[in-house]
């Protein structure tokens, strides 16, 4: 299979997951968050931009409905505009229903909507701190640092004891030893990660082995 075809298939899968997130978003449900997990949301930083684009799509649909008199053309434009609205709403819904997750054992699941999902075992986490930066752009890897900004910013930095391997959005394999991500509740996330780190490094009494 060619690289272009693999990339197209992954993009189609991302879009399908984004669209399937809309019912979960409307039902106020979250994917992959279990009992005892800490969900660390991040979508608010980009909500205004994405929802603003959705509003523009709605206005465009209404204006074209008033200007176009041909029923066949109007039907085609309605389908195109409706799909455009879904492609704007879907990524926002995917980010809302797929927050970052810190599990009770201190492991971290770093996510960005339907595009990125990285599982980091508790034993790989060396440290975590609140670290507010304005990184801009999209998720990227540079010098073994995975940066996942939202609204151009990150708020938590996690250092690992060794490299973690993950799939990039188009399928290439990446590795990172430093993670920079954004959450609306950085203090809560850092506390949960440090508690997990302390639990991971605590000596186990002979009676508990």
N, C-alpha and C. Protein backbone atom coordinates (compact mmCIF):
# COMPACT_ATOMS: atom_id res chain seq x y z
N UNK A 1 0.85 -1.19 0.00
CA UNK A 1 0.00 0.00 0.00
C UNK A 1 0.89 1.25 0.00
N UNK A 2 0.60 2.22 -0.85
CA UNK A 2 1.42 3.41 -0.96
C UNK A 2 1.25 4.29 0.27
N UNK A 3 2.27 5.15 0.49
CA UNK A 3 2.21 6.06 1.63
C UNK A 3 1.01 6.99 1.53
N UNK A 4 0.72 7.49 0.32
CA UNK A 4 -0.40 8.41 0.14
C UNK A 4 -1.72 7.73 0.48
N UNK A 5 -1.86 6.46 0.08
CA UNK A 5 -3.10 5.75 0.37
C UNK A 5 -3.25 5.48 1.86
N UNK A 6 -2.13 5.12 2.53
CA UNK A 6 -2.19 4.91 3.98
C UNK A 6 -2.58 6.19 4.70
N UNK A 7 -2.00 7.32 4.25
CA UNK A 7 -2.33 8.60 4.87
C UNK A 7 -3.81 8.94 4.66
N UNK A 8 -4.32 8.68 3.44
CA UNK A 8 -5.72 8.97 3.16
C UNK A 8 -6.64 8.11 4.02
N UNK A 9 -6.28 6.84 4.21
CA UNK A 9 -7.09 5.96 5.04
C UNK A 9 -7.10 6.42 6.49
N UNK A 10 -5.94 6.87 6.99
CA UNK A 10 -5.89 7.35 8.38
C UNK A 10 -6.70 8.64 8.54
N UNK A 11 -6.62 9.53 7.55
CA UNK A 11 -7.42 10.76 7.63
C UNK A 11 -8.91 10.44 7.62
N UNK A 12 -9.30 9.47 6.81
CA UNK A 12 -10.71 9.07 6.78
C UNK A 12 -11.14 8.49 8.12
N UNK A 13 -10.25 7.70 8.75
CA UNK A 13 -10.57 7.14 10.06
C UNK A 13 -10.67 8.24 11.11
N UNK A 14 -9.77 9.23 11.04
CA UNK A 14 -9.84 10.36 11.99
C UNK A 14 -11.17 11.10 11.84
N UNK A 15 -11.56 11.32 10.59
CA UNK A 15 -12.81 12.05 10.35
C UNK A 15 -14.01 11.25 10.84
N UNK A 16 -13.98 9.94 10.64
CA UNK A 16 -15.09 9.10 11.12
C UNK A 16 -15.19 9.16 12.64
N UNK A 17 -14.04 9.12 13.33
CA UNK A 17 -14.07 9.22 14.80
C UNK A 17 -14.56 10.59 15.25
N UNK A 18 -14.16 11.63 14.51
CA UNK A 18 -14.62 12.97 14.86
C UNK A 18 -16.14 13.07 14.74
N UNK A 19 -16.68 12.58 13.63
CA UNK A 19 -18.12 12.65 13.41
C UNK A 19 -18.88 11.80 14.44
N UNK A 20 -18.30 10.64 14.80
CA UNK A 20 -18.97 9.79 15.80
C UNK A 20 -18.91 10.39 17.19
N UNK A 21 -18.08 11.42 17.38
CA UNK A 21 -17.99 12.08 18.69
C UNK A 21 -19.14 13.05 18.92
N UNK A 22 -19.80 13.48 17.86
CA UNK A 22 -20.86 14.47 18.01
C UNK A 22 -22.00 13.96 18.89
N UNK A 23 -22.52 12.71 18.68
CA UNK A 23 -23.57 12.22 19.60
C UNK A 23 -23.10 12.15 21.06
N UNK A 24 -21.83 11.75 21.29
CA UNK A 24 -21.31 11.71 22.65
C UNK A 24 -21.26 13.10 23.25
N UNK A 25 -20.85 14.07 22.44
CA UNK A 25 -20.77 15.46 22.90
C UNK A 25 -22.16 15.97 23.27
N UNK A 26 -23.14 15.71 22.43
CA UNK A 26 -24.50 16.17 22.72
C UNK A 26 -25.07 15.48 23.95
N UNK A 27 -24.65 14.23 24.19
CA UNK A 27 -25.12 13.49 25.37
C UNK A 27 -24.26 13.77 26.60
N UNK A 28 -23.22 14.63 26.44
CA UNK A 28 -22.31 14.98 27.54
C UNK A 28 -21.63 13.74 28.13
N UNK A 29 -21.19 12.87 27.25
CA UNK A 29 -20.45 11.68 27.67
C UNK A 29 -19.00 11.81 27.22
N UNK A 30 -18.09 11.09 27.92
CA UNK A 30 -16.68 11.11 27.57
C UNK A 30 -16.20 9.70 27.27
N UNK A 31 -15.30 9.60 26.33
CA UNK A 31 -14.77 8.30 25.92
C UNK A 31 -13.46 8.01 26.65
N UNK A 32 -13.34 6.78 27.15
CA UNK A 32 -12.08 6.37 27.76
C UNK A 32 -11.80 6.92 29.13
N UNK A 33 -12.82 7.40 29.83
CA UNK A 33 -12.66 7.90 31.20
C UNK A 33 -13.42 6.99 32.14
N UNK A 34 -12.70 6.27 32.98
CA UNK A 34 -13.32 5.30 33.85
C UNK A 34 -13.42 5.78 35.29
N UNK A 35 -14.00 4.97 36.17
CA UNK A 35 -14.09 5.31 37.59
C UNK A 35 -12.70 5.51 38.19
N UNK A 36 -12.54 6.58 38.94
CA UNK A 36 -11.26 6.87 39.56
C UNK A 36 -10.29 7.63 38.68
N UNK A 37 -10.58 7.76 37.38
CA UNK A 37 -9.70 8.50 36.48
C UNK A 37 -9.89 10.00 36.65
N UNK A 38 -8.82 10.74 36.43
CA UNK A 38 -8.91 12.19 36.38
C UNK A 38 -8.94 12.61 34.92
N UNK A 39 -10.05 13.22 34.50
CA UNK A 39 -10.16 13.76 33.14
C UNK A 39 -9.64 15.18 33.14
N UNK A 40 -8.71 15.46 32.23
CA UNK A 40 -8.11 16.80 32.15
C UNK A 40 -8.52 17.44 30.83
N UNK A 41 -9.57 18.25 30.82
CA UNK A 41 -10.07 18.83 29.56
C UNK A 41 -9.13 19.88 29.00
N UNK A 42 -9.22 20.10 27.70
CA UNK A 42 -8.35 21.08 27.03
C UNK A 42 -9.04 21.83 25.91
N UNK A 43 -10.29 21.51 25.63
CA UNK A 43 -10.94 22.02 24.42
C UNK A 43 -11.35 23.49 24.49
N UNK A 44 -11.48 24.04 25.69
CA UNK A 44 -12.01 25.41 25.80
C UNK A 44 -11.13 26.43 25.11
N UNK A 45 -9.82 26.18 25.06
CA UNK A 45 -8.91 27.16 24.47
C UNK A 45 -9.15 27.37 22.98
N UNK A 46 -9.78 26.40 22.31
CA UNK A 46 -10.03 26.54 20.88
C UNK A 46 -11.51 26.56 20.54
N UNK A 47 -12.36 26.48 21.57
CA UNK A 47 -13.79 26.37 21.33
C UNK A 47 -14.34 27.58 20.58
N UNK A 48 -13.90 28.79 20.96
CA UNK A 48 -14.44 29.99 20.32
C UNK A 48 -14.13 30.01 18.83
N UNK A 49 -12.92 29.59 18.46
CA UNK A 49 -12.54 29.59 17.04
C UNK A 49 -13.36 28.59 16.24
N UNK A 50 -13.45 27.35 16.76
CA UNK A 50 -14.17 26.32 16.02
C UNK A 50 -15.66 26.59 15.95
N UNK A 51 -16.24 27.03 17.07
CA UNK A 51 -17.67 27.32 17.06
C UNK A 51 -17.97 28.56 16.23
N UNK A 52 -17.00 29.48 16.17
CA UNK A 52 -17.16 30.65 15.30
C UNK A 52 -17.21 30.24 13.83
N UNK A 53 -16.36 29.28 13.46
CA UNK A 53 -16.40 28.76 12.09
C UNK A 53 -17.74 28.07 11.81
N UNK A 54 -18.24 27.35 12.81
CA UNK A 54 -19.54 26.71 12.66
C UNK A 54 -20.65 27.73 12.44
N UNK A 55 -20.57 28.85 13.15
CA UNK A 55 -21.57 29.90 12.98
C UNK A 55 -21.51 30.49 11.57
N UNK A 56 -20.28 30.66 11.06
CA UNK A 56 -20.12 31.17 9.69
C UNK A 56 -20.76 30.21 8.68
N UNK A 57 -20.59 28.91 8.92
CA UNK A 57 -21.20 27.91 8.01
C UNK A 57 -22.72 28.03 8.02
N UNK A 58 -23.29 28.23 9.20
CA UNK A 58 -24.74 28.36 9.30
C UNK A 58 -25.22 29.61 8.57
N UNK A 59 -24.52 30.73 8.76
CA UNK A 59 -24.89 31.98 8.10
C UNK A 59 -24.79 31.82 6.58
N UNK A 60 -23.72 31.16 6.13
CA UNK A 60 -23.56 30.95 4.69
C UNK A 60 -24.70 30.11 4.12
N UNK A 61 -25.11 29.09 4.85
CA UNK A 61 -26.21 28.24 4.40
C UNK A 61 -27.51 29.04 4.26
N UNK A 62 -27.76 29.89 5.23
CA UNK A 62 -28.99 30.70 5.19
C UNK A 62 -28.96 31.68 4.03
N UNK A 63 -27.81 32.36 3.85
CA UNK A 63 -27.69 33.36 2.78
C UNK A 63 -27.87 32.70 1.41
N UNK A 64 -27.19 31.55 1.20
CA UNK A 64 -27.31 30.87 -0.09
C UNK A 64 -28.74 30.36 -0.33
N UNK A 65 -29.42 29.97 0.74
CA UNK A 65 -30.80 29.53 0.59
C UNK A 65 -31.69 30.66 0.09
N UNK A 66 -31.35 31.88 0.49
CA UNK A 66 -32.14 33.04 0.05
C UNK A 66 -31.77 33.48 -1.36
N UNK A 67 -30.50 33.26 -1.76
CA UNK A 67 -30.04 33.76 -3.04
C UNK A 67 -30.24 32.77 -4.18
N UNK A 68 -30.11 31.48 -3.88
CA UNK A 68 -30.20 30.47 -4.94
C UNK A 68 -31.66 30.05 -5.12
N UNK A 69 -32.14 30.16 -6.35
CA UNK A 69 -33.56 29.83 -6.62
C UNK A 69 -33.73 28.46 -7.26
N UNK A 70 -32.67 27.90 -7.82
CA UNK A 70 -32.78 26.60 -8.48
C UNK A 70 -32.83 25.49 -7.43
N UNK A 71 -33.92 24.72 -7.37
CA UNK A 71 -34.02 23.66 -6.36
C UNK A 71 -32.88 22.64 -6.40
N UNK A 72 -32.45 22.14 -7.58
CA UNK A 72 -31.33 21.18 -7.58
C UNK A 72 -30.04 21.78 -7.04
N UNK A 73 -29.73 22.99 -7.46
CA UNK A 73 -28.51 23.65 -6.97
C UNK A 73 -28.62 23.90 -5.48
N UNK A 74 -29.79 24.34 -5.05
CA UNK A 74 -30.00 24.59 -3.63
C UNK A 74 -29.80 23.32 -2.81
N UNK A 75 -30.29 22.19 -3.31
CA UNK A 75 -30.13 20.92 -2.59
C UNK A 75 -28.67 20.53 -2.48
N UNK A 76 -27.92 20.71 -3.60
CA UNK A 76 -26.49 20.38 -3.57
C UNK A 76 -25.75 21.27 -2.57
N UNK A 77 -26.03 22.56 -2.61
CA UNK A 77 -25.36 23.49 -1.69
C UNK A 77 -25.73 23.19 -0.24
N UNK A 78 -26.95 22.76 -0.01
CA UNK A 78 -27.37 22.43 1.35
C UNK A 78 -26.59 21.23 1.88
N UNK A 79 -26.40 20.23 1.02
CA UNK A 79 -25.62 19.05 1.43
C UNK A 79 -24.17 19.43 1.71
N UNK A 80 -23.58 20.23 0.82
CA UNK A 80 -22.18 20.64 0.99
C UNK A 80 -22.00 21.47 2.26
N UNK A 81 -22.90 22.44 2.48
CA UNK A 81 -22.79 23.28 3.67
C UNK A 81 -23.05 22.47 4.94
N UNK A 82 -23.99 21.53 4.86
CA UNK A 82 -24.25 20.69 6.03
C UNK A 82 -23.05 19.85 6.39
N UNK A 83 -22.39 19.29 5.37
CA UNK A 83 -21.20 18.50 5.63
C UNK A 83 -20.06 19.38 6.15
N UNK A 84 -19.97 20.60 5.62
CA UNK A 84 -18.95 21.53 6.12
C UNK A 84 -19.16 21.85 7.59
N UNK A 85 -20.42 22.00 8.00
CA UNK A 85 -20.71 22.26 9.40
C UNK A 85 -20.31 21.07 10.28
N UNK A 86 -20.54 19.86 9.77
CA UNK A 86 -20.15 18.68 10.53
C UNK A 86 -18.64 18.57 10.67
N UNK A 87 -17.89 18.93 9.61
CA UNK A 87 -16.44 18.83 9.67
C UNK A 87 -15.83 19.87 10.60
N UNK A 88 -16.57 20.94 10.88
CA UNK A 88 -16.12 21.92 11.87
C UNK A 88 -16.51 21.49 13.28
N UNK A 89 -17.74 20.99 13.42
CA UNK A 89 -18.24 20.58 14.74
C UNK A 89 -17.56 19.31 15.23
N UNK A 90 -17.27 18.37 14.31
CA UNK A 90 -16.70 17.08 14.69
C UNK A 90 -15.39 17.19 15.45
N UNK A 91 -14.38 17.95 14.95
CA UNK A 91 -13.12 18.06 15.69
C UNK A 91 -13.29 18.65 17.08
N UNK A 92 -14.19 19.63 17.22
CA UNK A 92 -14.42 20.18 18.57
C UNK A 92 -15.05 19.13 19.47
N UNK A 93 -16.04 18.41 18.95
CA UNK A 93 -16.67 17.37 19.75
C UNK A 93 -15.67 16.30 20.15
N UNK A 94 -14.76 15.93 19.23
CA UNK A 94 -13.76 14.91 19.53
C UNK A 94 -12.84 15.35 20.65
N UNK A 95 -12.49 16.63 20.67
CA UNK A 95 -11.63 17.14 21.74
C UNK A 95 -12.37 17.18 23.09
N UNK A 96 -13.65 17.49 23.05
CA UNK A 96 -14.42 17.55 24.30
C UNK A 96 -14.58 16.16 24.91
N UNK A 97 -14.91 15.18 24.09
CA UNK A 97 -15.22 13.84 24.63
C UNK A 97 -13.96 13.00 24.84
N UNK A 98 -12.82 13.47 24.37
CA UNK A 98 -11.56 12.74 24.57
C UNK A 98 -10.55 13.62 25.30
N UNK A 99 -10.76 13.88 26.57
CA UNK A 99 -9.79 14.67 27.34
C UNK A 99 -8.53 13.85 27.62
N UNK A 100 -7.49 14.52 28.12
CA UNK A 100 -6.37 13.77 28.69
C UNK A 100 -6.89 13.02 29.91
N UNK A 101 -6.25 11.90 30.24
CA UNK A 101 -6.69 11.10 31.38
C UNK A 101 -5.48 10.69 32.22
N UNK A 102 -5.58 10.91 33.53
CA UNK A 102 -4.60 10.36 34.47
C UNK A 102 -5.31 9.23 35.22
N UNK A 103 -4.80 8.02 35.09
CA UNK A 103 -5.40 6.86 35.73
C UNK A 103 -4.95 6.77 37.20
N UNK A 104 -5.69 6.03 38.01
CA UNK A 104 -5.34 5.93 39.44
C UNK A 104 -3.92 5.44 39.70
N UNK A 105 -3.36 4.64 38.79
CA UNK A 105 -1.99 4.14 38.99
C UNK A 105 -0.93 5.16 38.58
N UNK A 106 -1.36 6.35 38.13
CA UNK A 106 -0.42 7.39 37.74
C UNK A 106 -0.04 7.39 36.28
N UNK A 107 -0.56 6.47 35.49
CA UNK A 107 -0.29 6.48 34.05
C UNK A 107 -1.09 7.59 33.38
N UNK A 108 -0.59 8.03 32.24
CA UNK A 108 -1.18 9.17 31.54
C UNK A 108 -1.61 8.76 30.14
N UNK A 109 -2.76 9.24 29.75
CA UNK A 109 -3.22 9.08 28.37
C UNK A 109 -3.34 10.47 27.77
N UNK A 110 -2.42 10.81 26.90
CA UNK A 110 -2.38 12.13 26.27
C UNK A 110 -3.13 12.03 24.94
N UNK A 111 -4.09 12.92 24.75
CA UNK A 111 -4.91 12.85 23.54
C UNK A 111 -5.10 14.24 22.93
N UNK A 112 -5.40 14.23 21.65
CA UNK A 112 -5.85 15.44 20.98
C UNK A 112 -6.94 15.05 20.00
N UNK A 113 -8.18 15.16 20.45
CA UNK A 113 -9.32 14.80 19.63
C UNK A 113 -9.19 13.39 19.09
N UNK A 114 -9.46 13.24 17.80
CA UNK A 114 -9.34 11.94 17.14
C UNK A 114 -7.98 11.74 16.50
N UNK A 115 -7.08 12.72 16.61
CA UNK A 115 -5.82 12.68 15.89
C UNK A 115 -4.67 12.02 16.64
N UNK A 116 -4.69 12.10 17.96
CA UNK A 116 -3.52 11.65 18.73
C UNK A 116 -3.98 10.97 20.00
N UNK A 117 -3.34 9.83 20.32
CA UNK A 117 -3.67 9.08 21.52
C UNK A 117 -2.40 8.36 21.97
N UNK A 118 -1.77 8.87 23.03
CA UNK A 118 -0.48 8.35 23.49
C UNK A 118 -0.64 7.84 24.92
N UNK A 119 -0.32 6.58 25.15
CA UNK A 119 -0.40 5.98 26.48
C UNK A 119 0.99 5.97 27.10
N UNK A 120 1.13 6.57 28.29
CA UNK A 120 2.41 6.65 28.99
C UNK A 120 2.29 5.91 30.32
N UNK A 121 2.97 4.79 30.49
CA UNK A 121 2.91 4.06 31.76
C UNK A 121 3.45 4.90 32.92
N UNK A 122 2.95 4.64 34.11
CA UNK A 122 3.38 5.39 35.28
C UNK A 122 4.88 5.28 35.50
N UNK A 123 5.45 4.10 35.21
CA UNK A 123 6.87 3.90 35.43
C UNK A 123 7.77 4.74 34.55
N UNK A 124 7.23 5.30 33.45
CA UNK A 124 8.02 6.15 32.56
C UNK A 124 8.02 7.61 32.97
N UNK A 125 7.13 7.99 33.88
CA UNK A 125 6.98 9.40 34.24
C UNK A 125 7.98 9.75 35.35
N UNK A 126 8.94 10.62 35.01
CA UNK A 126 9.96 11.03 35.97
C UNK A 126 9.52 12.26 36.76
N UNK A 127 8.88 13.21 36.09
CA UNK A 127 8.44 14.44 36.77
C UNK A 127 7.35 15.11 35.95
N UNK A 128 6.63 16.00 36.61
CA UNK A 128 5.58 16.78 35.94
C UNK A 128 5.49 18.13 36.64
N UNK A 129 5.26 19.17 35.87
CA UNK A 129 5.15 20.50 36.47
C UNK A 129 4.25 21.38 35.62
N UNK A 130 3.67 22.39 36.26
CA UNK A 130 2.91 23.41 35.54
C UNK A 130 3.92 24.29 34.82
N UNK A 131 3.78 24.41 33.52
CA UNK A 131 4.76 25.13 32.71
C UNK A 131 4.02 25.78 31.54
N UNK A 132 3.64 27.03 31.72
CA UNK A 132 2.82 27.70 30.71
C UNK A 132 3.69 28.28 29.60
N UNK A 133 3.42 27.85 28.39
CA UNK A 133 4.16 28.30 27.22
C UNK A 133 3.19 28.62 26.09
N UNK A 134 3.64 29.48 25.19
CA UNK A 134 2.88 29.77 23.98
C UNK A 134 3.66 29.19 22.81
N UNK A 135 3.28 27.96 22.44
CA UNK A 135 4.03 27.21 21.43
C UNK A 135 3.47 27.38 20.02
N UNK A 136 2.18 27.66 19.92
CA UNK A 136 1.57 27.85 18.62
C UNK A 136 1.51 26.58 17.80
N UNK A 137 0.79 26.64 16.67
CA UNK A 137 0.78 25.54 15.73
C UNK A 137 0.03 24.31 16.18
N UNK A 138 0.33 23.21 15.51
CA UNK A 138 -0.31 21.92 15.71
C UNK A 138 0.63 20.99 16.48
N UNK A 139 0.12 19.82 16.91
CA UNK A 139 1.01 18.85 17.57
C UNK A 139 2.25 18.57 16.72
N UNK A 140 3.42 18.56 17.37
CA UNK A 140 4.67 18.39 16.64
C UNK A 140 5.70 17.71 17.54
N UNK A 141 6.69 17.09 16.91
CA UNK A 141 7.80 16.45 17.61
C UNK A 141 9.09 17.10 17.17
N UNK A 142 9.90 17.54 18.13
CA UNK A 142 11.19 18.14 17.83
C UNK A 142 12.15 17.83 18.95
N UNK A 143 13.31 17.24 18.60
CA UNK A 143 14.34 16.91 19.58
C UNK A 143 13.77 16.09 20.75
N UNK A 144 13.00 15.06 20.39
CA UNK A 144 12.39 14.13 21.35
C UNK A 144 11.43 14.83 22.32
N UNK A 145 10.85 15.94 21.87
CA UNK A 145 9.82 16.63 22.64
C UNK A 145 8.52 16.62 21.83
N UNK A 146 7.49 16.03 22.39
CA UNK A 146 6.16 16.03 21.77
C UNK A 146 5.38 17.20 22.34
N UNK A 147 5.04 18.14 21.49
CA UNK A 147 4.30 19.33 21.90
C UNK A 147 2.89 19.25 21.34
N UNK A 148 1.90 19.34 22.23
CA UNK A 148 0.49 19.26 21.81
C UNK A 148 -0.21 20.53 22.30
N UNK A 149 -0.06 21.62 21.56
CA UNK A 149 -0.68 22.87 21.99
C UNK A 149 -2.17 22.91 21.65
N UNK A 150 -2.90 23.69 22.41
CA UNK A 150 -4.32 23.95 22.12
C UNK A 150 -4.50 25.46 22.23
N UNK A 151 -5.02 26.06 21.19
CA UNK A 151 -5.11 27.52 21.18
C UNK A 151 -3.75 28.17 21.26
N UNK A 152 -2.72 27.48 20.73
CA UNK A 152 -1.37 28.04 20.71
C UNK A 152 -0.62 27.96 22.01
N UNK A 153 -1.13 27.22 23.00
CA UNK A 153 -0.48 27.20 24.31
C UNK A 153 -0.40 25.80 24.89
N UNK A 154 0.59 25.61 25.76
CA UNK A 154 0.70 24.40 26.59
C UNK A 154 0.82 24.85 28.04
N UNK A 155 0.45 23.99 28.97
CA UNK A 155 0.44 24.39 30.37
C UNK A 155 1.08 23.36 31.30
N UNK A 156 1.42 22.18 30.79
CA UNK A 156 2.04 21.14 31.62
C UNK A 156 3.21 20.53 30.84
N UNK A 157 4.32 20.31 31.53
CA UNK A 157 5.46 19.61 30.95
C UNK A 157 5.71 18.35 31.75
N UNK A 158 5.84 17.23 31.06
CA UNK A 158 6.09 15.93 31.69
C UNK A 158 7.41 15.39 31.16
N UNK A 159 8.33 15.09 32.07
CA UNK A 159 9.61 14.48 31.70
C UNK A 159 9.52 12.98 31.92
N UNK A 160 10.05 12.20 30.98
CA UNK A 160 10.00 10.75 31.06
C UNK A 160 11.38 10.17 31.36
N UNK A 161 11.39 9.00 31.94
CA UNK A 161 12.66 8.33 32.23
C UNK A 161 13.23 7.65 30.99
N UNK A 162 12.42 7.46 29.99
CA UNK A 162 12.85 6.84 28.74
C UNK A 162 11.89 7.23 27.63
N UNK A 163 12.18 6.87 26.39
CA UNK A 163 11.32 7.29 25.28
C UNK A 163 10.00 6.54 25.24
N UNK A 164 8.96 7.24 24.87
CA UNK A 164 7.66 6.62 24.62
C UNK A 164 7.42 6.66 23.11
N UNK A 165 6.89 5.59 22.57
CA UNK A 165 6.63 5.48 21.13
C UNK A 165 5.15 5.67 20.87
N UNK A 166 4.82 6.37 19.79
CA UNK A 166 3.43 6.65 19.48
C UNK A 166 3.26 6.82 17.98
N UNK A 167 2.01 6.80 17.55
CA UNK A 167 1.67 7.01 16.14
C UNK A 167 1.30 8.46 15.91
N UNK A 168 1.93 9.08 14.93
CA UNK A 168 1.55 10.43 14.54
C UNK A 168 0.24 10.37 13.74
N UNK A 169 -0.41 11.53 13.56
CA UNK A 169 -1.72 11.50 12.89
C UNK A 169 -1.74 10.82 11.53
N UNK A 170 -0.66 10.92 10.76
CA UNK A 170 -0.65 10.31 9.43
C UNK A 170 -0.04 8.91 9.43
N UNK A 171 0.29 8.38 10.62
CA UNK A 171 0.73 7.00 10.70
C UNK A 171 2.19 6.78 10.98
N UNK A 172 3.04 7.79 10.83
CA UNK A 172 4.47 7.63 11.11
C UNK A 172 4.67 7.40 12.61
N UNK A 173 5.72 6.67 12.92
CA UNK A 173 6.03 6.38 14.32
C UNK A 173 6.93 7.49 14.87
N UNK A 174 6.59 8.00 16.05
CA UNK A 174 7.40 9.01 16.72
C UNK A 174 7.81 8.55 18.10
N UNK A 175 8.86 9.16 18.63
CA UNK A 175 9.30 8.89 20.00
C UNK A 175 9.53 10.22 20.70
N UNK A 176 9.35 10.22 22.00
CA UNK A 176 9.54 11.45 22.78
C UNK A 176 9.93 11.11 24.21
N UNK A 177 10.75 11.97 24.79
CA UNK A 177 11.13 11.86 26.20
C UNK A 177 10.55 13.01 27.03
N UNK A 178 10.08 14.06 26.34
CA UNK A 178 9.46 15.20 27.00
C UNK A 178 8.11 15.46 26.36
N UNK A 179 7.10 15.68 27.17
CA UNK A 179 5.75 15.95 26.69
C UNK A 179 5.32 17.33 27.14
N UNK A 180 4.82 18.11 26.23
CA UNK A 180 4.25 19.41 26.58
C UNK A 180 2.82 19.42 26.09
N UNK A 181 1.88 19.65 26.97
CA UNK A 181 0.46 19.57 26.63
C UNK A 181 -0.31 20.66 27.34
N UNK A 182 -1.54 20.83 26.92
CA UNK A 182 -2.39 21.85 27.54
C UNK A 182 -3.58 21.20 28.23
N UNK A 183 -3.93 21.72 29.36
CA UNK A 183 -5.17 21.37 30.04
C UNK A 183 -5.68 22.59 30.77
N UNK A 184 -6.99 22.64 30.94
CA UNK A 184 -7.59 23.76 31.67
C UNK A 184 -7.36 23.65 33.17
N UNK A 185 -6.92 22.48 33.64
CA UNK A 185 -6.70 22.26 35.07
C UNK A 185 -5.29 21.69 35.29
N UNK A 186 -4.25 22.49 34.99
CA UNK A 186 -2.89 21.96 35.08
C UNK A 186 -2.47 21.55 36.49
N UNK A 187 -2.90 22.30 37.50
CA UNK A 187 -2.51 21.96 38.87
C UNK A 187 -3.06 20.59 39.27
N UNK A 188 -4.32 20.32 38.94
CA UNK A 188 -4.93 19.03 39.28
C UNK A 188 -4.23 17.89 38.55
N UNK A 189 -3.89 18.11 37.29
CA UNK A 189 -3.21 17.06 36.54
C UNK A 189 -1.84 16.77 37.13
N UNK A 190 -1.08 17.81 37.44
CA UNK A 190 0.26 17.61 37.99
C UNK A 190 0.19 16.90 39.33
N UNK A 191 -0.75 17.29 40.18
CA UNK A 191 -0.89 16.60 41.48
C UNK A 191 -1.18 15.12 41.27
N UNK A 192 -2.08 14.80 40.34
CA UNK A 192 -2.43 13.40 40.11
C UNK A 192 -1.23 12.62 39.57
N UNK A 193 -0.44 13.23 38.68
CA UNK A 193 0.73 12.55 38.15
C UNK A 193 1.79 12.35 39.22
N UNK A 194 1.99 13.34 40.08
CA UNK A 194 2.99 13.21 41.13
C UNK A 194 2.56 12.20 42.19
N UNK A 195 1.26 12.13 42.47
CA UNK A 195 0.79 11.09 43.40
C UNK A 195 1.06 9.71 42.82
N UNK A 196 0.79 9.56 41.53
CA UNK A 196 1.06 8.28 40.90
C UNK A 196 2.54 7.96 40.89
N UNK A 197 3.38 8.99 40.67
CA UNK A 197 4.83 8.78 40.67
C UNK A 197 5.30 8.36 42.06
N UNK A 198 4.77 9.00 43.12
CA UNK A 198 5.15 8.63 44.48
C UNK A 198 4.71 7.21 44.80
N UNK A 199 3.52 6.84 44.34
CA UNK A 199 3.03 5.49 44.59
C UNK A 199 3.88 4.46 43.85
N UNK A 200 4.31 4.82 42.64
CA UNK A 200 5.10 3.90 41.83
C UNK A 200 6.47 3.64 42.47
N UNK A 201 7.05 4.70 43.09
CA UNK A 201 8.39 4.56 43.66
C UNK A 201 8.40 4.13 45.12
N UNK A 202 7.21 4.00 45.74
CA UNK A 202 7.15 3.62 47.15
C UNK A 202 7.55 2.16 47.33
N UNK A 203 8.46 1.86 48.26
CA UNK A 203 8.84 0.48 48.51
C UNK A 203 7.64 -0.33 48.98
N UNK A 204 7.53 -1.53 48.50
CA UNK A 204 6.41 -2.40 48.88
C UNK A 204 6.80 -3.20 50.13
N UNK A 205 6.06 -3.05 51.24
CA UNK A 205 6.36 -3.82 52.44
C UNK A 205 6.30 -5.31 52.16
N UNK A 206 7.12 -6.12 52.87
CA UNK A 206 7.12 -7.56 52.63
C UNK A 206 5.74 -8.18 52.73
N UNK A 207 4.91 -7.70 53.64
CA UNK A 207 3.59 -8.29 53.84
C UNK A 207 2.65 -8.06 52.69
N UNK A 208 2.96 -7.03 51.79
CA UNK A 208 2.08 -6.70 50.67
C UNK A 208 2.53 -7.34 49.37
N UNK A 209 3.69 -8.05 49.40
CA UNK A 209 4.18 -8.67 48.18
C UNK A 209 3.42 -9.93 47.84
